[in-house]
Amino acid sequence: SRHPTVKWAQRSDKLFITVELPDAKNVKLKLEPEGKFFFSATAGADNLPYEVDLDLFDKINVEESKSSSTSRSIVYLVKKAEDKWWSRLIKQEGLRPVFLKVDWDKWVDEDEEDGKPGPDMDFNDIDFSKFNMEEGPSDFDADVPEGDDDDDSDAEGVVEEEDSAHSEPKAAVPPSNEPEAKASI
């Protein structure tokens, strides 16, 4: 069987586990208090089987866990047995399974769990259309004098490639043995 994409996010008291499987049929979920999460379903015109079997990091409360589904995914709200942040979703250390991803749309950092974004992240009252971000030069590099960019493409021994059908090959220039003169700042 195949693995659907599974996204996850957490709060101190719960997990959000989203199984992305459009038009899933015969959906089955088995949750066990010690942290076992098993999902299976079929999908597609050929009713291909999909399955996810995870050993969650810690114990869960099966009775208070819920699910809801749309035509594109099934979202599970899994209640943790203890209100505490987990260092990862699954017990297995090392490389995580390739089908398991962080759900950045639902993710909240532990220090921002009170529901309000940090003071530097609240952009609700800013109208970005007033910034004319597409016109004129940027002043991000205002402290760098003109002509003094940090582009190292002219570095010694580097040969820029051209379209080989229209030019003759060029030889690489060997590095110079002379010390490079640098301005001190």
Protein backbone atom coordinates (compact mmCIF):
# COMPACT_ATOMS: atom_id res chain seq x y z
CA SER A 1 0.00 0.00 0.00
CA ARG A 2 0.99 3.64 -0.46
CA HIS A 3 1.45 6.47 2.01
CA PRO A 4 -0.56 9.68 1.61
CA THR A 5 1.05 12.98 2.61
CA VAL A 6 0.53 13.55 6.34
CA LYS A 7 0.92 17.03 7.85
CA TRP A 8 1.05 17.74 11.55
CA ALA A 9 1.11 20.61 14.03
CA GLN A 10 0.74 20.75 17.81
CA ARG A 11 -0.38 22.74 20.78
CA SER A 12 0.43 21.84 24.38
CA ASP A 13 -2.84 19.89 24.68
CA LYS A 14 -3.48 18.51 21.18
CA LEU A 15 -2.13 17.49 17.78
CA PHE A 16 -3.48 18.32 14.35
CA ILE A 17 -2.85 15.45 11.96
CA THR A 18 -4.02 16.05 8.39
CA VAL A 19 -4.04 13.18 5.91
CA GLU A 20 -4.07 14.63 2.39
CA LEU A 21 -5.94 12.12 0.28
CA PRO A 22 -8.48 13.51 -2.20
CA ASP A 23 -11.72 11.53 -2.57
CA ALA A 24 -10.78 8.99 0.11
CA LYS A 25 -13.15 6.05 0.55
CA ASN A 26 -13.39 3.31 3.17
CA VAL A 27 -11.57 5.53 5.67
CA LYS A 28 -10.57 3.76 8.87
CA LEU A 29 -8.74 5.18 11.86
CA LYS A 30 -7.51 3.35 14.88
CA LEU A 31 -6.19 5.32 17.84
CA GLU A 32 -4.77 3.64 20.92
CA PRO A 33 -4.06 5.32 24.29
CA GLU A 34 -0.35 4.47 24.22
CA GLY A 35 0.01 6.62 21.07
CA LYS A 36 -0.73 4.33 18.15
CA PHE A 37 -2.18 6.10 15.07
CA PHE A 38 -3.29 3.85 12.21
CA PHE A 39 -5.08 5.19 9.11
CA SER A 40 -6.20 3.33 6.01
CA ALA A 41 -8.34 4.24 3.01
CA THR A 42 -8.70 3.74 -0.71
CA ALA A 43 -8.63 6.53 -3.29
CA GLY A 44 -8.51 7.22 -7.00
CA ALA A 45 -10.28 5.61 -9.93
CA ASP A 46 -8.50 2.31 -9.20
CA ASN A 47 -9.34 2.38 -5.46
CA LEU A 48 -5.66 2.13 -4.56
CA PRO A 49 -4.97 1.32 -0.89
CA TYR A 50 -3.26 3.94 1.31
CA GLU A 51 -2.05 3.46 4.84
CA VAL A 52 -0.28 5.31 7.65
CA ASP A 53 0.99 3.58 10.79
CA LEU A 54 2.63 5.89 13.36
CA ASP A 55 3.84 5.41 16.91
CA LEU A 56 3.17 8.85 18.35
CA PHE A 57 5.72 10.36 20.71
CA ASP A 58 3.57 10.01 23.84
CA LYS A 59 0.20 8.85 25.13
CA ILE A 60 -3.09 10.26 23.84
CA ASN A 61 -6.70 10.57 25.00
CA VAL A 62 -8.71 8.55 22.48
CA GLU A 63 -12.15 9.56 23.86
CA GLU A 64 -11.53 13.31 23.38
CA SER A 65 -9.97 13.00 19.91
CA LYS A 66 -12.06 13.99 16.88
CA SER A 67 -11.96 13.96 13.09
CA SER A 68 -13.48 15.86 10.20
CA SER A 69 -13.14 15.29 6.48
CA THR A 70 -13.40 17.24 3.27
CA SER A 71 -13.16 16.05 -0.31
CA ARG A 72 -9.38 16.67 -0.20
CA SER A 73 -8.26 15.61 3.28
CA ILE A 74 -9.12 14.17 6.67
CA VAL A 75 -8.14 16.22 9.73
CA TYR A 76 -7.67 14.55 13.08
CA LEU A 77 -7.61 16.53 16.29
CA VAL A 78 -5.79 14.18 18.65
CA LYS A 79 -5.97 15.07 22.34
CA LYS A 80 -2.72 14.53 24.24
CA ALA A 81 -2.93 12.59 27.54
CA GLU A 82 -0.78 15.28 29.21
CA ASP A 83 -0.67 19.00 28.40
CA LYS A 84 2.96 19.32 27.33
CA TRP A 85 4.90 20.08 24.16
CA TRP A 86 6.38 17.12 22.34
CA SER A 87 9.85 17.39 20.86
CA ARG A 88 8.63 15.50 17.76
CA LEU A 89 5.53 13.71 16.48
CA ILE A 90 6.74 10.12 16.48
CA LYS A 91 8.86 8.01 18.83
CA GLN A 92 11.24 7.02 16.05
CA GLU A 93 14.38 9.13 16.17
CA GLY A 94 16.52 10.06 13.20
CA LEU A 95 15.14 10.52 9.72
CA ARG A 96 11.41 11.06 9.63
CA PRO A 97 9.32 9.27 7.02
CA VAL A 98 9.25 11.19 3.71
CA PHE A 99 5.44 11.41 3.69
CA LEU A 100 5.40 13.24 7.07
CA LYS A 101 5.53 17.05 6.92
CA VAL A 102 5.00 20.00 9.25
CA ASP A 103 1.68 21.80 8.73
CA TRP A 104 2.95 25.40 8.72
CA ASP A 105 -0.62 26.71 8.30
CA LYS A 106 -1.55 25.36 11.72
CA TRP A 107 1.85 25.57 13.43
CA VAL A 108 2.24 27.79 16.49
CA ASP A 109 5.49 28.03 18.42
CA GLU A 110 5.38 27.07 22.08
CA ASP A 111 6.00 30.65 23.22
CA GLU A 112 3.17 31.98 21.00
CA GLU A 113 0.49 29.51 22.05
CA ASP A 114 -1.61 32.13 23.81
CA GLY A 115 -3.14 32.80 20.39
CA LYS A 116 -1.57 36.18 19.81
CA PRO A 117 1.41 36.49 17.50
CA GLY A 118 4.58 38.02 18.92
CA PRO A 119 4.87 41.83 18.83
CA ASP A 120 7.05 41.70 15.72
CA MET A 121 4.65 39.41 13.81
CA ASP A 122 1.32 41.24 13.96
CA PHE A 123 0.78 42.68 10.45
CA ASN A 124 -3.03 42.95 10.51
CA ASP A 125 -3.16 46.76 10.49
CA ILE A 126 -0.52 47.34 7.78
CA ASP A 127 -1.53 48.10 4.19
CA PHE A 128 1.35 46.72 2.13
CA SER A 129 0.01 48.33 -1.07
CA LYS A 130 1.31 51.69 0.18
CA PHE A 131 4.92 50.55 0.09
CA ASN A 132 5.43 50.64 -3.74
CA MET A 133 7.53 47.51 -3.50
CA GLU A 134 7.79 47.08 -7.29
CA GLU A 135 9.11 50.52 -8.27
CA GLY A 136 12.61 51.94 -8.12
CA PRO A 137 15.83 50.62 -6.64
CA SER A 138 15.85 48.92 -3.31
CA ASP A 139 17.71 50.50 -0.42
CA PHE A 140 18.40 47.15 1.25
CA ASP A 141 22.08 47.51 0.31
CA ALA A 142 22.32 51.23 1.16
CA ASP A 143 25.46 50.68 3.22
CA VAL A 144 27.32 49.01 0.33
CA PRO A 145 29.07 51.56 -1.93
CA GLU A 146 28.13 51.38 -5.62
CA GLY A 147 30.29 49.01 -7.63
CA ASP A 148 31.36 47.20 -4.45
CA ASP A 149 29.00 44.27 -4.55
CA ASP A 150 29.94 40.97 -2.99
CA ASP A 151 29.63 39.01 -6.23
CA ASP A 152 32.57 36.62 -6.40
CA SER A 153 31.91 35.49 -9.98
CA ASP A 154 35.13 37.25 -11.12
CA ALA A 155 37.18 35.17 -8.68
CA GLU A 156 40.47 33.83 -9.90
CA GLY A 157 40.29 30.55 -11.75
CA VAL A 158 36.54 30.87 -12.44
CA VAL A 159 35.53 30.66 -16.07
CA GLU A 160 32.04 31.73 -17.07
CA GLU A 161 30.44 29.29 -19.47
CA GLU A 162 28.99 30.52 -22.71
CA ASP A 163 26.85 28.74 -25.26
CA SER A 164 29.41 26.19 -26.53
CA ALA A 165 27.83 25.98 -30.00
CA HIS A 166 28.74 29.62 -30.72
CA SER A 167 32.14 30.04 -29.10
CA GLU A 168 35.48 28.37 -28.77
CA PRO A 169 36.46 26.80 -25.47
CA LYS A 170 38.38 29.03 -23.09
CA ALA A 171 41.23 27.95 -20.86
CA ALA A 172 40.98 28.49 -17.15
CA VAL A 173 43.27 31.22 -15.86
CA PRO A 174 45.62 29.82 -13.22
CA PRO A 175 45.57 31.62 -9.89
CA SER A 176 48.16 34.32 -9.42
CA ASN A 177 50.91 33.92 -6.87
CA GLU A 178 50.85 37.64 -6.08
CA PRO A 179 49.09 38.72 -2.88
CA GLU A 180 45.79 40.39 -3.48
CA ALA A 181 45.62 44.07 -2.50
CA LYS A 182 42.67 44.75 -0.20
CA ALA A 183 41.55 48.06 1.17
CA SER A 184 41.31 48.10 4.93
CA ILE A 185 38.18 49.50 6.40
